[in-house]
Amino acid sequence: MFNLQNWGLMRIARLAAGGIVLWNALADHQPLLGLMGGFLLLQAVLNIGCGTGGCGVAAPRQQPQNFTQESTKDIEYEEIH
């Protein structure tokens, strides 16, 4: 039914934190806190989030071998007052 093989420590922590926050939001009638708890639960269920390579920066593109500084054209700017 559910694939539980990819459940790591951070995913379980997000699930637990989201559940606790959502429970407290419902008990205290706090809609903003409920949104944050729902967001944590959604991260855990969908396995998304910014952690350990979850939101990495793209690797820089390699320049072509025939690329040289001389092949680029200098841009001239005109100051406008």
N, C-alpha and C. Protein backbone atom coordinates (compact mmCIF):
# COMPACT_ATOMS: atom_id res chain seq x y z
N MET A 1 0.82 -1.19 0.00
CA MET A 1 0.00 0.00 0.00
C MET A 1 0.87 1.26 0.00
N PHE A 2 1.69 1.45 1.00
CA PHE A 2 2.59 2.58 1.06
C PHE A 2 4.03 2.10 0.98
N ASN A 3 4.87 2.85 0.30
CA ASN A 3 6.29 2.54 0.21
C ASN A 3 7.00 3.27 1.35
N LEU A 4 7.42 2.54 2.36
CA LEU A 4 8.06 3.13 3.52
C LEU A 4 9.57 2.94 3.51
N GLN A 5 10.15 2.63 2.36
CA GLN A 5 11.59 2.38 2.29
C GLN A 5 12.40 3.67 2.34
N ASN A 6 11.88 4.78 1.85
CA ASN A 6 12.63 6.01 1.78
C ASN A 6 12.38 6.93 2.97
N TRP A 7 11.97 6.39 4.10
CA TRP A 7 11.69 7.20 5.27
C TRP A 7 12.95 7.32 6.12
N GLY A 8 13.54 8.52 6.09
CA GLY A 8 14.73 8.77 6.89
C GLY A 8 14.38 9.51 8.17
N LEU A 9 15.41 9.86 8.92
CA LEU A 9 15.20 10.53 10.20
C LEU A 9 14.52 11.89 10.03
N MET A 10 14.96 12.68 9.06
CA MET A 10 14.38 14.00 8.86
C MET A 10 12.93 13.92 8.39
N ARG A 11 12.62 12.93 7.60
CA ARG A 11 11.24 12.79 7.13
C ARG A 11 10.32 12.40 8.28
N ILE A 12 10.79 11.54 9.15
CA ILE A 12 10.00 11.15 10.31
C ILE A 12 9.88 12.33 11.27
N ALA A 13 10.96 13.11 11.42
CA ALA A 13 10.91 14.29 12.29
C ALA A 13 9.91 15.31 11.77
N ARG A 14 9.87 15.52 10.44
CA ARG A 14 8.89 16.44 9.86
C ARG A 14 7.47 15.94 10.09
N LEU A 15 7.28 14.65 9.97
CA LEU A 15 5.96 14.07 10.19
C LEU A 15 5.52 14.27 11.64
N ALA A 16 6.41 13.99 12.59
CA ALA A 16 6.08 14.14 14.00
C ALA A 16 5.85 15.62 14.35
N ALA A 17 6.72 16.50 13.88
CA ALA A 17 6.57 17.92 14.18
C ALA A 17 5.29 18.46 13.56
N GLY A 18 5.01 18.07 12.33
CA GLY A 18 3.78 18.52 11.68
C GLY A 18 2.54 18.04 12.40
N GLY A 19 2.57 16.80 12.86
CA GLY A 19 1.43 16.27 13.61
C GLY A 19 1.21 17.00 14.91
N ILE A 20 2.29 17.25 15.64
CA ILE A 20 2.18 17.95 16.92
C ILE A 20 1.70 19.39 16.71
N VAL A 21 2.28 20.08 15.73
CA VAL A 21 1.89 21.46 15.46
C VAL A 21 0.43 21.53 15.00
N LEU A 22 0.03 20.61 14.14
CA LEU A 22 -1.35 20.60 13.66
C LEU A 22 -2.32 20.29 14.79
N TRP A 23 -1.97 19.37 15.66
CA TRP A 23 -2.82 19.04 16.81
C TRP A 23 -2.99 20.26 17.72
N ASN A 24 -1.88 20.95 18.02
CA ASN A 24 -1.97 22.15 18.85
C ASN A 24 -2.77 23.26 18.17
N ALA A 25 -2.66 23.36 16.86
CA ALA A 25 -3.41 24.38 16.13
C ALA A 25 -4.90 24.11 16.22
N LEU A 26 -5.28 22.86 16.10
CA LEU A 26 -6.69 22.52 16.21
C LEU A 26 -7.20 22.72 17.62
N ALA A 27 -6.39 22.38 18.62
CA ALA A 27 -6.82 22.53 20.01
C ALA A 27 -6.93 23.99 20.41
N ASP A 28 -6.05 24.85 19.89
CA ASP A 28 -6.04 26.26 20.28
C ASP A 28 -6.78 27.17 19.29
N HIS A 29 -7.36 26.58 18.24
CA HIS A 29 -8.08 27.35 17.21
C HIS A 29 -7.17 28.41 16.58
N GLN A 30 -6.00 27.99 16.12
CA GLN A 30 -5.03 28.88 15.50
C GLN A 30 -4.86 28.49 14.02
N PRO A 31 -5.51 29.20 13.10
CA PRO A 31 -5.44 28.81 11.69
C PRO A 31 -4.04 28.96 11.07
N LEU A 32 -3.29 29.98 11.45
CA LEU A 32 -1.96 30.16 10.88
C LEU A 32 -1.02 29.03 11.32
N LEU A 33 -1.13 28.65 12.57
CA LEU A 33 -0.34 27.53 13.08
C LEU A 33 -0.75 26.24 12.37
N GLY A 34 -2.05 26.13 12.05
CA GLY A 34 -2.54 24.96 11.32
C GLY A 34 -1.95 24.88 9.93
N LEU A 35 -1.77 26.04 9.27
CA LEU A 35 -1.15 26.04 7.95
C LEU A 35 0.30 25.58 8.03
N MET A 36 1.01 26.03 9.05
CA MET A 36 2.41 25.60 9.20
C MET A 36 2.51 24.12 9.50
N GLY A 37 1.61 23.62 10.35
CA GLY A 37 1.61 22.19 10.63
C GLY A 37 1.25 21.37 9.41
N GLY A 38 0.28 21.86 8.64
CA GLY A 38 -0.09 21.17 7.39
C GLY A 38 1.05 21.18 6.39
N PHE A 39 1.81 22.28 6.36
CA PHE A 39 2.96 22.35 5.46
C PHE A 39 4.01 21.32 5.84
N LEU A 40 4.29 21.17 7.13
CA LEU A 40 5.25 20.17 7.58
C LEU A 40 4.77 18.75 7.25
N LEU A 41 3.49 18.52 7.46
CA LEU A 41 2.94 17.20 7.11
C LEU A 41 3.03 16.94 5.60
N LEU A 42 2.75 17.96 4.82
CA LEU A 42 2.83 17.81 3.37
C LEU A 42 4.26 17.51 2.93
N GLN A 43 5.24 18.18 3.55
CA GLN A 43 6.64 17.91 3.25
C GLN A 43 7.00 16.46 3.56
N ALA A 44 6.51 15.96 4.68
CA ALA A 44 6.83 14.59 5.07
C ALA A 44 6.17 13.57 4.14
N VAL A 45 4.92 13.81 3.79
CA VAL A 45 4.20 12.85 2.95
C VAL A 45 4.77 12.82 1.53
N LEU A 46 5.08 14.00 0.99
CA LEU A 46 5.58 14.07 -0.39
C LEU A 46 7.10 13.95 -0.48
N ASN A 47 7.77 13.91 0.67
CA ASN A 47 9.23 13.80 0.74
C ASN A 47 9.91 14.95 -0.01
N ILE A 48 9.49 16.15 0.32
CA ILE A 48 10.11 17.34 -0.24
C ILE A 48 10.60 18.20 0.92
N GLY A 49 11.53 19.08 0.66
CA GLY A 49 12.02 19.97 1.69
C GLY A 49 13.43 20.39 1.38
N CYS A 50 13.88 21.42 2.05
CA CYS A 50 15.22 21.93 1.85
C CYS A 50 16.15 21.36 2.90
N GLY A 51 16.68 20.25 2.65
CA GLY A 51 17.64 19.65 3.56
C GLY A 51 18.53 18.71 2.80
N THR A 52 19.71 18.54 3.21
CA THR A 52 20.70 17.62 2.68
C THR A 52 20.50 17.30 1.20
N GLY A 53 20.66 18.30 0.38
CA GLY A 53 20.56 18.10 -1.06
C GLY A 53 19.16 18.18 -1.60
N GLY A 54 18.16 18.48 -0.77
CA GLY A 54 16.79 18.57 -1.24
C GLY A 54 16.59 19.75 -2.17
N CYS A 55 17.23 20.84 -1.89
CA CYS A 55 17.11 22.04 -2.72
C CYS A 55 18.51 22.52 -3.08
N GLY A 56 19.20 21.75 -3.81
CA GLY A 56 20.57 22.10 -4.18
C GLY A 56 20.61 23.15 -5.26
N VAL A 57 21.69 23.85 -5.31
CA VAL A 57 21.93 24.83 -6.36
C VAL A 57 22.46 24.08 -7.58
N ALA A 58 21.96 24.45 -8.74
CA ALA A 58 22.38 23.77 -9.96
C ALA A 58 23.88 23.95 -10.19
N ALA A 59 24.50 22.91 -10.70
CA ALA A 59 25.93 22.97 -11.00
C ALA A 59 26.17 23.97 -12.13
N PRO A 60 27.29 24.68 -12.08
CA PRO A 60 27.56 25.65 -13.15
C PRO A 60 27.75 24.93 -14.48
N ARG A 61 27.26 25.56 -15.51
CA ARG A 61 27.40 24.98 -16.84
C ARG A 61 28.84 25.11 -17.32
N GLN A 62 29.28 24.10 -18.00
CA GLN A 62 30.64 24.15 -18.54
C GLN A 62 30.63 24.96 -19.82
N GLN A 63 31.66 25.76 -20.00
CA GLN A 63 31.76 26.58 -21.20
C GLN A 63 32.31 25.73 -22.34
N PRO A 64 31.90 26.02 -23.55
CA PRO A 64 32.42 25.26 -24.69
C PRO A 64 33.95 25.40 -24.77
N GLN A 65 34.57 24.42 -25.36
CA GLN A 65 36.04 24.42 -25.45
C GLN A 65 36.56 25.57 -26.30
N ASN A 66 35.78 26.02 -27.27
CA ASN A 66 36.25 27.09 -28.14
C ASN A 66 35.94 28.47 -27.56
N PHE A 67 35.45 28.54 -26.34
CA PHE A 67 35.13 29.81 -25.69
C PHE A 67 36.39 30.46 -25.14
N THR A 68 36.59 31.71 -25.49
CA THR A 68 37.71 32.48 -24.94
C THR A 68 37.21 33.86 -24.58
N GLN A 69 37.93 34.56 -23.77
CA GLN A 69 37.55 35.90 -23.37
C GLN A 69 37.55 36.84 -24.57
N GLU A 70 38.41 36.60 -25.55
CA GLU A 70 38.47 37.47 -26.72
C GLU A 70 37.23 37.33 -27.60
N SER A 71 36.55 36.19 -27.49
CA SER A 71 35.39 35.97 -28.36
C SER A 71 34.16 36.73 -27.87
N THR A 72 34.21 37.24 -26.64
CA THR A 72 33.07 38.01 -26.15
C THR A 72 33.22 39.47 -26.54
N LYS A 73 32.11 40.10 -26.84
CA LYS A 73 32.11 41.50 -27.26
C LYS A 73 31.96 42.38 -26.03
N ASP A 74 32.79 43.43 -25.94
CA ASP A 74 32.67 44.37 -24.84
C ASP A 74 31.43 45.23 -25.05
N ILE A 75 30.69 45.43 -23.98
CA ILE A 75 29.48 46.22 -24.04
C ILE A 75 29.82 47.63 -23.56
N GLU A 76 29.39 48.60 -24.32
CA GLU A 76 29.62 49.99 -23.94
C GLU A 76 28.32 50.55 -23.36
N TYR A 77 28.45 51.24 -22.25
CA TYR A 77 27.31 51.83 -21.57
C TYR A 77 27.37 53.34 -21.68
N GLU A 78 26.20 53.95 -21.79
CA GLU A 78 26.11 55.39 -21.83
C GLU A 78 25.36 55.85 -20.58
N GLU A 79 25.95 56.78 -19.88
CA GLU A 79 25.35 57.28 -18.65
C GLU A 79 24.24 58.26 -18.98
N ILE A 80 23.07 58.05 -18.36
CA ILE A 80 21.92 58.90 -18.62
C ILE A 80 21.63 59.69 -17.35
N HIS A 81 21.46 61.02 -17.51
CA HIS A 81 21.18 61.87 -16.35
C HIS A 81 19.75 62.30 -16.34
